[in-house]
């Protein structure tokens, strides 16, 4: 009997000393990293072949060319940055080729790979002749760009895309163009939630949409037709200041200049990945910001026409309104 009681006591003691365990807390891990999209751009020139004839197959660097890379946020594995997610839109990255025609653009990618869509702007320039390393300027020609060339990019690795421009002569080469400037300026805003708290004799709380400036450094794009120096569409990019303001200074021509019938600009902002926040007001004064759910504000655009010399287009405003939560 004593032995049985002793065994039961020891068993109870072992159970009472057993350490309780709980499952480890789940921690989300960001598997994204940085990838590089690199390449080289060249344009053709005229060169002598040494036998009295001329070749158009020589090549020189194409400097100052705009390159854009777009990465979708969602999609299948190997396509989207966040595969099979509800993330909306795409990330947009830009760069410019250097004096040697090279570009190097850092993008966000993951270990499974993303589909990077590469676009290289076209331009107009002289089709030059190169003799013993000396450049002889020629007539203006179009150098047509390329769009939506896809390459797979992985975090920590480099993807390459080279492009060779080939000149095609312009139908007209206007002379003595009086190049001046026009200005497009405005602001970029976003819709958030306003929480108004009123105290005193008539207390209450109300919620309503309100508009605030986007964060400083938000990119704004402008595509302008026709640039008088390149005789083709030119793409500009700038960033907003602390109040959401932006300004573009455009090279343009006087009204009624032959070959320049419209001088149109398309101004646009890309998808913006951000939280949709609530701005709190206490008796009409801002008292703080409440961070909201993450998501994407959809891209927006507007247009301006007849942008000739000395035109100033102000209050060309854009507002991020539609918001899709992740």
C-alpha atoms as a PDB file:
ATOM      1  CA  UNK A   1       0.000   0.000   0.000  1.00  0.00           C
ATOM      2  CA  UNK A   2       2.773   2.420   0.912  1.00  0.00           C
ATOM      3  CA  UNK A   3       4.568   1.584  -2.333  1.00  0.00           C
ATOM      4  CA  UNK A   4       1.420   2.355  -4.348  1.00  0.00           C
ATOM      5  CA  UNK A   5       0.987   5.699  -2.610  1.00  0.00           C
ATOM      6  CA  UNK A   6       4.635   6.546  -3.241  1.00  0.00           C
ATOM      7  CA  UNK A   7       4.317   5.742  -6.967  1.00  0.00           C
ATOM      8  CA  UNK A   8       1.225   7.873  -7.297  1.00  0.00           C
ATOM      9  CA  UNK A   9       2.954  10.776  -5.534  1.00  0.00           C
ATOM     10  CA  UNK A  10       5.965  10.580  -7.864  1.00  0.00           C
ATOM     11  CA  UNK A  11       3.696  10.500 -10.947  1.00  0.00           C
ATOM     12  CA  UNK A  12       1.782  13.556  -9.744  1.00  0.00           C
ATOM     13  CA  UNK A  13       5.074  15.361  -9.100  1.00  0.00           C
ATOM     14  CA  UNK A  14       6.333  14.637 -12.638  1.00  0.00           C
ATOM     15  CA  UNK A  15       3.134  15.962 -14.209  1.00  0.00           C
ATOM     16  CA  UNK A  16       3.216  19.070 -12.027  1.00  0.00           C
ATOM     17  CA  UNK A  17       6.821  19.792 -13.063  1.00  0.00           C
ATOM     18  CA  UNK A  18       6.111  19.370 -16.802  1.00  0.00           C
ATOM     19  CA  UNK A  19       6.779  22.700 -18.582  1.00  0.00           C
ATOM     20  CA  UNK A  20       3.892  24.122 -20.560  1.00  0.00           C
ATOM     21  CA  UNK A  21       4.737  24.902 -24.189  1.00  0.00           C
ATOM     22  CA  UNK A  22       3.007  27.143 -26.719  1.00  0.00           C
ATOM     23  CA  UNK A  23       3.436  27.323 -30.479  1.00  0.00           C
ATOM     24  CA  UNK A  24       5.956  29.861 -31.739  1.00  0.00           C
ATOM     25  CA  UNK A  25       4.407  33.115 -32.921  1.00  0.00           C
ATOM     26  CA  UNK A  26       4.154  33.501 -36.710  1.00  0.00           C
ATOM     27  CA  UNK A  27       6.484  36.141 -38.081  1.00  0.00           C
ATOM     28  CA  UNK A  28       6.020  37.398 -41.625  1.00  0.00           C
ATOM     29  CA  UNK A  29       9.236  37.415 -43.636  1.00  0.00           C
ATOM     30  CA  UNK A  30       9.881  39.796 -46.494  1.00  0.00           C
ATOM     31  CA  UNK A  31      11.491  37.670 -49.199  1.00  0.00           C
ATOM     32  CA  UNK A  32      12.038  40.566 -51.579  1.00  0.00           C
ATOM     33  CA  UNK A  33      15.432  42.046 -52.371  1.00  0.00           C
ATOM     34  CA  UNK A  34      17.234  44.102 -54.969  1.00  0.00           C
ATOM     35  CA  UNK A  35      17.913  43.057 -58.547  1.00  0.00           C
ATOM     36  CA  UNK A  36      19.607  45.005 -61.335  1.00  0.00           C
ATOM     37  CA  UNK A  37      18.475  45.515 -64.920  1.00  0.00           C
ATOM     38  CA  UNK A  38      21.455  46.583 -67.003  1.00  0.00           C
ATOM     39  CA  UNK A  39      22.184  47.109 -70.653  1.00  0.00           C
ATOM     40  CA  UNK A  40      23.835  49.147 -73.361  1.00  0.00           C
ATOM     41  CA  UNK A  41      22.294  51.260 -76.129  1.00  0.00           C
ATOM     42  CA  UNK A  42      23.975  52.301 -79.367  1.00  0.00           C
ATOM     43  CA  UNK A  43      22.970  54.120 -82.548  1.00  0.00           C
ATOM     44  CA  UNK A  44      24.317  53.621 -86.053  1.00  0.00           C
ATOM     45  CA  UNK A  45      26.653  56.051 -87.847  1.00  0.00           C
ATOM     46  CA  UNK A  46      28.009  56.332 -91.369  1.00  0.00           C
ATOM     47  CA  UNK A  47      31.595  55.123 -91.870  1.00  0.00           C
ATOM     48  CA  UNK A  48      33.856  54.695 -94.925  1.00  0.00           C
ATOM     49  CA  UNK A  49      34.650  51.110 -95.919  1.00  0.00           C
ATOM     50  CA  UNK A  50      38.087  51.975 -97.339  1.00  0.00           C
ATOM     51  CA  UNK A  51      37.048  51.208-100.901  1.00  0.00           C
ATOM     52  CA  UNK A  52      35.250  54.415-101.781  1.00  0.00           C
ATOM     53  CA  UNK A  53      31.865  53.392-100.375  1.00  0.00           C
ATOM     54  CA  UNK A  54      30.004  54.245 -97.177  1.00  0.00           C
ATOM     55  CA  UNK A  55      28.516  51.926 -94.581  1.00  0.00           C
ATOM     56  CA  UNK A  56      25.694  52.675 -92.105  1.00  0.00           C
ATOM     57  CA  UNK A  57      26.543  49.788 -89.796  1.00  0.00           C
ATOM     58  CA  UNK A  58      29.037  51.580 -87.546  1.00  0.00           C
ATOM     59  CA  UNK A  59      27.841  52.172 -84.006  1.00  0.00           C
ATOM     60  CA  UNK A  60      28.392  54.760 -81.258  1.00  0.00           C
ATOM     61  CA  UNK A  61      26.877  55.007 -77.746  1.00  0.00           C
ATOM     62  CA  UNK A  62      23.355  56.415 -77.410  1.00  0.00           C
ATOM     63  CA  UNK A  63      23.675  58.691 -74.367  1.00  0.00           C
ATOM     64  CA  UNK A  64      20.884  60.384 -72.409  1.00  0.00           C
ATOM     65  CA  UNK A  65      18.184  57.892 -73.392  1.00  0.00           C
ATOM     66  CA  UNK A  66      15.324  57.272 -70.940  1.00  0.00           C
ATOM     67  CA  UNK A  67      14.801  53.667 -69.824  1.00  0.00           C
ATOM     68  CA  UNK A  68      11.757  52.480 -67.864  1.00  0.00           C
ATOM     69  CA  UNK A  69      11.272  49.156 -66.061  1.00  0.00           C
ATOM     70  CA  UNK A  70       7.880  48.004 -64.777  1.00  0.00           C
ATOM     71  CA  UNK A  71       7.416  45.107 -62.333  1.00  0.00           C
ATOM     72  CA  UNK A  72       3.883  43.796 -61.624  1.00  0.00           C
ATOM     73  CA  UNK A  73       3.044  43.468 -57.949  1.00  0.00           C
ATOM     74  CA  UNK A  74       0.900  40.350 -58.376  1.00  0.00           C
ATOM     75  CA  UNK A  75       0.786  37.433 -60.786  1.00  0.00           C
ATOM     76  CA  UNK A  76       1.991  33.859 -61.029  1.00  0.00           C
ATOM     77  CA  UNK A  77       5.266  32.686 -59.515  1.00  0.00           C
ATOM     78  CA  UNK A  78       8.047  34.075 -61.691  1.00  0.00           C
ATOM     79  CA  UNK A  79       5.907  37.046 -62.778  1.00  0.00           C
ATOM     80  CA  UNK A  80       4.647  39.088 -59.815  1.00  0.00           C
ATOM     81  CA  UNK A  81       6.640  40.563 -56.955  1.00  0.00           C
ATOM     82  CA  UNK A  82       4.118  39.074 -54.514  1.00  0.00           C
ATOM     83  CA  UNK A  83       2.932  35.896 -56.325  1.00  0.00           C
ATOM     84  CA  UNK A  84      -0.748  34.991 -56.143  1.00  0.00           C
ATOM     85  CA  UNK A  85      -1.523  37.960 -53.902  1.00  0.00           C
ATOM     86  CA  UNK A  86      -4.173  40.665 -54.116  1.00  0.00           C
ATOM     87  CA  UNK A  87      -1.571  43.421 -54.568  1.00  0.00           C
ATOM     88  CA  UNK A  88      -2.568  45.913 -57.256  1.00  0.00           C
ATOM     89  CA  UNK A  89      -0.645  47.750 -59.980  1.00  0.00           C
ATOM     90  CA  UNK A  90       3.069  47.686 -60.647  1.00  0.00           C
ATOM     91  CA  UNK A  91       6.300  49.324 -59.514  1.00  0.00           C
ATOM     92  CA  UNK A  92       7.881  51.744 -62.022  1.00  0.00           C
ATOM     93  CA  UNK A  93      11.626  52.408 -62.144  1.00  0.00           C
ATOM     94  CA  UNK A  94      13.433  54.854 -64.430  1.00  0.00           C
ATOM     95  CA  UNK A  95      16.995  55.505 -65.513  1.00  0.00           C
ATOM     96  CA  UNK A  96      19.043  57.317 -68.175  1.00  0.00           C
ATOM     97  CA  UNK A  97      21.913  55.964 -70.266  1.00  0.00           C
ATOM     98  CA  UNK A  98      25.345  57.432 -69.515  1.00  0.00           C
ATOM     99  CA  UNK A  99      27.967  58.764 -71.935  1.00  0.00           C
ATOM    100  CA  UNK A 100      28.856  55.186 -72.935  1.00  0.00           C
ATOM    101  CA  UNK A 101      25.229  54.228 -73.551  1.00  0.00           C
ATOM    102  CA  UNK A 102      25.041  52.104 -70.388  1.00  0.00           C
ATOM    103  CA  UNK A 103      22.174  51.996 -67.916  1.00  0.00           C
ATOM    104  CA  UNK A 104      21.827  50.304 -64.527  1.00  0.00           C
ATOM    105  CA  UNK A 105      18.423  50.313 -62.814  1.00  0.00           C
ATOM    106  CA  UNK A 106      17.853  48.798 -59.366  1.00  0.00           C
ATOM    107  CA  UNK A 107      14.464  47.111 -58.929  1.00  0.00           C
ATOM    108  CA  UNK A 108      12.725  45.147 -56.209  1.00  0.00           C
ATOM    109  CA  UNK A 109      12.543  41.419 -56.974  1.00  0.00           C
ATOM    110  CA  UNK A 110      12.200  38.100 -55.154  1.00  0.00           C
ATOM    111  CA  UNK A 111      13.917  34.726 -55.079  1.00  0.00           C
ATOM    112  CA  UNK A 112      11.436  33.134 -57.476  1.00  0.00           C
ATOM    113  CA  UNK A 113      11.963  35.792 -60.129  1.00  0.00           C
ATOM    114  CA  UNK A 114       9.787  38.614 -61.443  1.00  0.00           C
ATOM    115  CA  UNK A 115       8.879  39.677 -64.968  1.00  0.00           C
ATOM    116  CA  UNK A 116      10.578  43.004 -65.676  1.00  0.00           C
ATOM    117  CA  UNK A 117       9.068  44.891 -68.617  1.00  0.00           C
ATOM    118  CA  UNK A 118      11.690  47.180 -70.204  1.00  0.00           C
ATOM    119  CA  UNK A 119      10.894  50.181 -72.410  1.00  0.00           C
ATOM    120  CA  UNK A 120      13.499  52.415 -74.063  1.00  0.00           C
ATOM    121  CA  UNK A 121      12.409  55.803 -75.385  1.00  0.00           C
ATOM    122  CA  UNK A 122      13.044  56.758 -78.967  1.00  0.00           C
ATOM    123  CA  UNK A 123      14.590  60.074 -79.946  1.00  0.00           C
ATOM    124  CA  UNK A 124      15.624  62.169 -82.917  1.00  0.00           C
ATOM    125  CA  UNK A 125      19.225  63.114 -83.573  1.00  0.00           C
ATOM    126  CA  UNK A 126      21.628  63.650 -86.440  1.00  0.00           C
ATOM    127  CA  UNK A 127      22.794  60.620 -88.403  1.00  0.00           C
ATOM    128  CA  UNK A 128      26.486  61.397 -88.215  1.00  0.00           C
ATOM    129  CA  UNK A 129      29.506  60.330 -90.230  1.00  0.00           C
ATOM    130  CA  UNK A 130      32.563  59.033 -88.382  1.00  0.00           C
ATOM    131  CA  UNK A 131      35.912  59.415 -90.149  1.00  0.00           C
ATOM    132  CA  UNK A 132      39.084  58.458 -88.264  1.00  0.00           C
ATOM    133  CA  UNK A 133      37.268  58.979 -84.981  1.00  0.00           C
ATOM    134  CA  UNK A 134      36.057  62.468 -85.906  1.00  0.00           C
ATOM    135  CA  UNK A 135      32.287  62.982 -85.970  1.00  0.00           C
ATOM    136  CA  UNK A 136      30.731  64.942 -88.843  1.00  0.00           C
ATOM    137  CA  UNK A 137      27.086  65.887 -88.034  1.00  0.00           C
ATOM    138  CA  UNK A 138      24.510  64.892 -90.614  1.00  0.00           C
ATOM    139  CA  UNK A 139      20.763  65.353 -91.135  1.00  0.00           C
ATOM    140  CA  UNK A 140      18.221  64.640 -88.425  1.00  0.00           C
ATOM    141  CA  UNK A 141      16.800  61.139 -88.272  1.00  0.00           C
ATOM    142  CA  UNK A 142      14.384  59.194 -86.079  1.00  0.00           C
ATOM    143  CA  UNK A 143      15.767  56.539 -83.741  1.00  0.00           C
ATOM    144  CA  UNK A 144      12.753  54.415 -82.833  1.00  0.00           C
ATOM    145  CA  UNK A 145      12.617  53.010 -79.307  1.00  0.00           C
ATOM    146  CA  UNK A 146      11.166  49.770 -78.039  1.00  0.00           C
ATOM    147  CA  UNK A 147       8.529  48.874 -75.434  1.00  0.00           C
ATOM    148  CA  UNK A 148       7.538  45.993 -73.174  1.00  0.00           C
ATOM    149  CA  UNK A 149      10.587  43.809 -73.628  1.00  0.00           C
ATOM    150  CA  UNK A 150      10.363  41.269 -70.795  1.00  0.00           C
ATOM    151  CA  UNK A 151      13.264  39.839 -68.841  1.00  0.00           C
ATOM    152  CA  UNK A 152      13.211  37.669 -65.723  1.00  0.00           C
ATOM    153  CA  UNK A 153      14.948  39.228 -62.732  1.00  0.00           C
ATOM    154  CA  UNK A 154      15.894  37.569 -59.449  1.00  0.00           C
ATOM    155  CA  UNK A 155      16.843  39.112 -56.125  1.00  0.00           C
ATOM    156  CA  UNK A 156      20.616  39.509 -55.898  1.00  0.00           C
ATOM    157  CA  UNK A 157      21.192  38.959 -59.619  1.00  0.00           C
ATOM    158  CA  UNK A 158      21.507  41.021 -62.802  1.00  0.00           C
ATOM    159  CA  UNK A 159      19.434  40.806 -65.969  1.00  0.00           C
ATOM    160  CA  UNK A 160      20.684  42.280 -69.249  1.00  0.00           C
ATOM    161  CA  UNK A 161      18.968  43.917 -72.187  1.00  0.00           C
ATOM    162  CA  UNK A 162      20.934  45.715 -74.914  1.00  0.00           C
ATOM    163  CA  UNK A 163      19.345  47.722 -77.699  1.00  0.00           C
ATOM    164  CA  UNK A 164      20.653  48.985 -81.031  1.00  0.00           C
ATOM    165  CA  UNK A 165      18.929  52.036 -82.512  1.00  0.00           C
ATOM    166  CA  UNK A 166      18.721  52.253 -86.316  1.00  0.00           C
ATOM    167  CA  UNK A 167      18.216  55.663 -87.951  1.00  0.00           C
ATOM    168  CA  UNK A 168      15.393  56.455 -90.343  1.00  0.00           C
ATOM    169  CA  UNK A 169      15.444  59.843 -92.039  1.00  0.00           C
ATOM    170  CA  UNK A 170      12.818  62.397 -91.088  1.00  0.00           C
ATOM    171  CA  UNK A 171      10.521  63.549 -93.867  1.00  0.00           C
ATOM    172  CA  UNK A 172      11.284  67.169 -93.006  1.00  0.00           C
ATOM    173  CA  UNK A 173      14.164  68.842 -91.260  1.00  0.00           C
ATOM    174  CA  UNK A 174      12.967  72.325 -90.238  1.00  0.00           C
ATOM    175  CA  UNK A 175      15.637  74.970 -89.974  1.00  0.00           C
ATOM    176  CA  UNK A 176      15.970  78.072 -87.809  1.00  0.00           C
ATOM    177  CA  UNK A 177      13.518  76.926 -85.122  1.00  0.00           C
ATOM    178  CA  UNK A 178      13.137  79.525 -82.362  1.00  0.00           C
ATOM    179  CA  UNK A 179      13.314  77.325 -79.271  1.00  0.00           C
ATOM    180  CA  UNK A 180      11.748  78.792 -76.133  1.00  0.00           C
ATOM    181  CA  UNK A 181      10.031  77.370 -73.082  1.00  0.00           C
ATOM    182  CA  UNK A 182       6.661  76.647 -71.479  1.00  0.00           C
ATOM    183  CA  UNK A 183       5.827  75.750 -67.893  1.00  0.00           C
ATOM    184  CA  UNK A 184       3.414  73.182 -66.491  1.00  0.00           C
ATOM    185  CA  UNK A 185       2.924  73.318 -62.731  1.00  0.00           C
ATOM    186  CA  UNK A 186       0.450  71.872 -60.274  1.00  0.00           C
ATOM    187  CA  UNK A 187       0.079  69.603 -57.283  1.00  0.00           C
ATOM    188  CA  UNK A 188      -0.534  65.947 -56.505  1.00  0.00           C
ATOM    189  CA  UNK A 189      -2.916  65.020 -53.704  1.00  0.00           C
ATOM    190  CA  UNK A 190      -4.482  61.908 -52.224  1.00  0.00           C
ATOM    191  CA  UNK A 191      -7.832  61.137 -50.614  1.00  0.00           C
ATOM    192  CA  UNK A 192      -7.720  60.050 -46.944  1.00  0.00           C
ATOM    193  CA  UNK A 193     -10.293  59.784 -44.139  1.00  0.00           C
ATOM    194  CA  UNK A 194     -10.997  62.785 -41.905  1.00  0.00           C
ATOM    195  CA  UNK A 195     -12.001  62.054 -38.306  1.00  0.00           C
ATOM    196  CA  UNK A 196     -13.444  65.218 -36.778  1.00  0.00           C
ATOM    197  CA  UNK A 197     -13.881  65.281 -33.001  1.00  0.00           C
ATOM    198  CA  UNK A 198     -15.791  68.197 -31.472  1.00  0.00           C
ATOM    199  CA  UNK A 199     -15.978  68.818 -27.726  1.00  0.00           C
ATOM    200  CA  UNK A 200     -17.856  71.352 -25.694  1.00  0.00           C
ATOM    201  CA  UNK A 201     -21.554  72.145 -25.796  1.00  0.00           C
ATOM    202  CA  UNK A 202     -22.220  70.108 -28.968  1.00  0.00           C
ATOM    203  CA  UNK A 203     -19.806  67.154 -28.840  1.00  0.00           C
ATOM    204  CA  UNK A 204     -19.618  64.644 -31.660  1.00  0.00           C
ATOM    205  CA  UNK A 205     -17.480  62.556 -34.008  1.00  0.00           C
ATOM    206  CA  UNK A 206     -17.796  62.490 -37.794  1.00  0.00           C
ATOM    207  CA  UNK A 207     -15.945  60.746 -40.626  1.00  0.00           C
ATOM    208  CA  UNK A 208     -15.613  62.055 -44.178  1.00  0.00           C
ATOM    209  CA  UNK A 209     -13.158  61.954 -47.125  1.00  0.00           C
ATOM    210  CA  UNK A 210     -10.604  64.734 -47.304  1.00  0.00           C
ATOM    211  CA  UNK A 211      -7.637  65.572 -49.558  1.00  0.00           C
ATOM    212  CA  UNK A 212      -4.017  65.997 -48.447  1.00  0.00           C
ATOM    213  CA  UNK A 213      -0.693  66.351 -50.297  1.00  0.00           C
ATOM    214  CA  UNK A 214       1.199  63.223 -51.311  1.00  0.00           C
ATOM    215  CA  UNK A 215       4.555  62.512 -49.626  1.00  0.00           C
ATOM    216  CA  UNK A 216       7.476  64.609 -50.871  1.00  0.00           C
ATOM    217  CA  UNK A 217       9.467  62.863 -53.586  1.00  0.00           C
ATOM    218  CA  UNK A 218       6.470  61.301 -55.362  1.00  0.00           C
ATOM    219  CA  UNK A 219       7.313  61.021 -59.069  1.00  0.00           C
ATOM    220  CA  UNK A 220       5.338  62.895 -61.741  1.00  0.00           C
ATOM    221  CA  UNK A 221       5.785  62.113 -65.454  1.00  0.00           C
ATOM    222  CA  UNK A 222       5.183  64.196 -68.589  1.00  0.00           C
ATOM    223  CA  UNK A 223       5.308  63.044 -72.221  1.00  0.00           C
ATOM    224  CA  UNK A 224       5.648  65.996 -74.633  1.00  0.00           C
ATOM    225  CA  UNK A 225       5.034  66.052 -78.403  1.00  0.00           C
ATOM    226  CA  UNK A 226       6.952  67.458 -80.288  1.00  0.00           C
ATOM    227  CA  UNK A 227      10.282  68.289 -78.654  1.00  0.00           C
ATOM    228  CA  UNK A 228      11.965  70.923 -80.894  1.00  0.00           C
ATOM    229  CA  UNK A 229      15.476  69.623 -80.229  1.00  0.00           C
ATOM    230  CA  UNK A 230      14.770  65.948 -80.903  1.00  0.00           C
ATOM    231  CA  UNK A 231      11.748  66.327 -83.220  1.00  0.00           C
ATOM    232  CA  UNK A 232       9.957  63.501 -81.418  1.00  0.00           C
ATOM    233  CA  UNK A 233       8.174  62.817 -78.144  1.00  0.00           C
ATOM    234  CA  UNK A 234      10.269  63.611 -75.084  1.00  0.00           C
ATOM    235  CA  UNK A 235       9.603  62.172 -71.628  1.00  0.00           C
ATOM    236  CA  UNK A 236      10.188  64.250 -68.499  1.00  0.00           C
ATOM    237  CA  UNK A 237      10.119  63.187 -64.850  1.00  0.00           C
ATOM    238  CA  UNK A 238      10.134  65.275 -61.677  1.00  0.00           C
ATOM    239  CA  UNK A 239       9.239  64.824 -57.991  1.00  0.00           C
ATOM    240  CA  UNK A 240       6.824  66.598 -55.671  1.00  0.00           C
ATOM    241  CA  UNK A 241       7.933  68.966 -52.930  1.00  0.00           C
ATOM    242  CA  UNK A 242       6.750  68.967 -49.303  1.00  0.00           C
ATOM    243  CA  UNK A 243       3.413  70.498 -50.304  1.00  0.00           C
ATOM    244  CA  UNK A 244       2.786  68.064 -53.162  1.00  0.00           C
ATOM    245  CA  UNK A 245       3.758  70.649 -55.794  1.00  0.00           C
ATOM    246  CA  UNK A 246       5.589  69.934 -59.045  1.00  0.00           C
ATOM    247  CA  UNK A 247       6.919  71.953 -62.007  1.00  0.00           C
ATOM    248  CA  UNK A 248       8.016  71.069 -65.544  1.00  0.00           C
ATOM    249  CA  UNK A 249      10.028  73.443 -67.799  1.00  0.00           C
ATOM    250  CA  UNK A 250       9.537  72.352 -71.400  1.00  0.00           C
ATOM    251  CA  UNK A 251      11.534  73.249 -74.498  1.00  0.00           C
ATOM    252  CA  UNK A 252       9.023  74.329 -77.159  1.00  0.00           C
ATOM    253  CA  UNK A 253       8.463  76.691 -80.124  1.00  0.00           C
ATOM    254  CA  UNK A 254       6.346  79.744 -81.038  1.00  0.00           C
ATOM    255  CA  UNK A 255       2.767  79.198 -82.154  1.00  0.00           C
ATOM    256  CA  UNK A 256       2.298  78.584 -85.904  1.00  0.00           C
ATOM    257  CA  UNK A 257       5.800  77.173 -86.331  1.00  0.00           C
ATOM    258  CA  UNK A 258       5.659  74.791 -89.366  1.00  0.00           C
ATOM    259  CA  UNK A 259       5.857  71.149 -88.351  1.00  0.00           C
ATOM    260  CA  UNK A 260       4.584  71.801 -84.802  1.00  0.00           C
ATOM    261  CA  UNK A 261       0.777  71.782 -85.025  1.00  0.00           C
ATOM    262  CA  UNK A 262      -0.202  70.875 -81.473  1.00  0.00           C
ATOM    263  CA  UNK A 263       2.519  70.717 -78.804  1.00  0.00           C
ATOM    264  CA  UNK A 264       0.641  68.420 -76.463  1.00  0.00           C
ATOM    265  CA  UNK A 265       1.628  67.145 -73.022  1.00  0.00           C
ATOM    266  CA  UNK A 266       0.340  64.092 -71.156  1.00  0.00           C
ATOM    267  CA  UNK A 267       0.964  64.418 -67.408  1.00  0.00           C
ATOM    268  CA  UNK A 268       0.597  61.276 -65.283  1.00  0.00           C
ATOM    269  CA  UNK A 269       1.370  59.611 -61.979  1.00  0.00           C
ATOM    270  CA  UNK A 270       2.013  55.892 -61.561  1.00  0.00           C
ATOM    271  CA  UNK A 271       0.373  53.520 -59.073  1.00  0.00           C
ATOM    272  CA  UNK A 272       1.222  54.522 -55.490  1.00  0.00           C
ATOM    273  CA  UNK A 273       1.753  51.797 -52.886  1.00  0.00           C
ATOM    274  CA  UNK A 274       0.787  53.257 -49.507  1.00  0.00           C
ATOM    275  CA  UNK A 275      -1.529  52.968 -46.529  1.00  0.00           C
ATOM    276  CA  UNK A 276      -4.840  54.815 -46.619  1.00  0.00           C
ATOM    277  CA  UNK A 277      -4.639  56.807 -43.398  1.00  0.00           C
ATOM    278  CA  UNK A 278      -7.034  58.740 -41.189  1.00  0.00           C
ATOM    279  CA  UNK A 279      -6.234  62.343 -40.243  1.00  0.00           C
ATOM    280  CA  UNK A 280      -7.642  63.214 -36.826  1.00  0.00           C
ATOM    281  CA  UNK A 281      -8.980  66.715 -36.102  1.00  0.00           C
ATOM    282  CA  UNK A 282      -9.824  67.982 -32.620  1.00  0.00           C
ATOM    283  CA  UNK A 283     -12.041  71.074 -32.665  1.00  0.00           C
ATOM    284  CA  UNK A 284     -10.847  71.922 -36.188  1.00  0.00           C
ATOM    285  CA  UNK A 285      -7.124  71.436 -35.541  1.00  0.00           C
ATOM    286  CA  UNK A 286      -5.096  68.437 -36.746  1.00  0.00           C
ATOM    287  CA  UNK A 287      -4.226  66.288 -33.746  1.00  0.00           C
ATOM    288  CA  UNK A 288      -2.531  63.315 -35.419  1.00  0.00           C
ATOM    289  CA  UNK A 289      -2.579  60.616 -38.080  1.00  0.00           C
ATOM    290  CA  UNK A 290      -3.895  57.080 -37.726  1.00  0.00           C
ATOM    291  CA  UNK A 291      -2.140  54.637 -40.051  1.00  0.00           C
ATOM    292  CA  UNK A 292      -4.617  52.652 -42.147  1.00  0.00           C
ATOM    293  CA  UNK A 293      -4.579  49.461 -44.170  1.00  0.00           C
ATOM    294  CA  UNK A 294      -1.909  49.061 -46.898  1.00  0.00           C
ATOM    295  CA  UNK A 295      -2.908  49.071 -50.542  1.00  0.00           C
ATOM    296  CA  UNK A 296      -2.515  50.848 -53.870  1.00  0.00           C
ATOM    297  CA  UNK A 297      -3.786  54.181 -55.135  1.00  0.00           C
ATOM    298  CA  UNK A 298      -4.466  53.808 -58.877  1.00  0.00           C
ATOM    299  CA  UNK A 299      -2.540  55.811 -61.495  1.00  0.00           C
ATOM    300  CA  UNK A 300      -3.986  59.088 -62.806  1.00  0.00           C
ATOM    301  CA  UNK A 301      -3.371  61.283 -65.852  1.00  0.00           C
ATOM    302  CA  UNK A 302      -4.380  64.564 -67.462  1.00  0.00           C
ATOM    303  CA  UNK A 303      -3.479  66.429 -70.657  1.00  0.00           C
ATOM    304  CA  UNK A 304      -2.561  69.928 -71.810  1.00  0.00           C
ATOM    305  CA  UNK A 305      -2.477  71.153 -75.399  1.00  0.00           C
ATOM    306  CA  UNK A 306      -1.024  74.104 -77.338  1.00  0.00           C
ATOM    307  CA  UNK A 307       2.014  74.474 -75.090  1.00  0.00           C
ATOM    308  CA  UNK A 308       3.933  77.059 -77.095  1.00  0.00           C
ATOM    309  CA  UNK A 309       6.570  79.602 -76.040  1.00  0.00           C
ATOM    310  CA  UNK A 310       5.817  81.548 -72.842  1.00  0.00           C
ATOM    311  CA  UNK A 311       2.756  79.481 -71.950  1.00  0.00           C
ATOM    312  CA  UNK A 312       2.312  78.901 -68.194  1.00  0.00           C
ATOM    313  CA  UNK A 313      -0.208  76.228 -67.231  1.00  0.00           C
ATOM    314  CA  UNK A 314      -0.753  76.320 -63.514  1.00  0.00           C
ATOM    315  CA  UNK A 315      -3.098  74.326 -61.242  1.00  0.00           C
ATOM    316  CA  UNK A 316      -2.653  71.202 -63.365  1.00  0.00           C
ATOM    317  CA  UNK A 317      -3.550  69.056 -60.385  1.00  0.00           C
ATOM    318  CA  UNK A 318      -3.789  65.295 -60.016  1.00  0.00           C
ATOM    319  CA  UNK A 319      -5.498  63.433 -57.182  1.00  0.00           C
ATOM    320  CA  UNK A 320      -5.067  59.844 -56.079  1.00  0.00           C
ATOM    321  CA  UNK A 321      -8.662  58.830 -55.364  1.00  0.00           C
ATOM    322  CA  UNK A 322      -9.417  55.158 -56.019  1.00  0.00           C
ATOM    323  CA  UNK A 323      -7.753  52.932 -53.398  1.00  0.00           C
ATOM    324  CA  UNK A 324      -7.568  49.126 -53.436  1.00  0.00           C
ATOM    325  CA  UNK A 325      -6.537  47.436 -50.156  1.00  0.00           C
ATOM    326  CA  UNK A 326      -4.011  44.618 -50.338  1.00  0.00           C
END
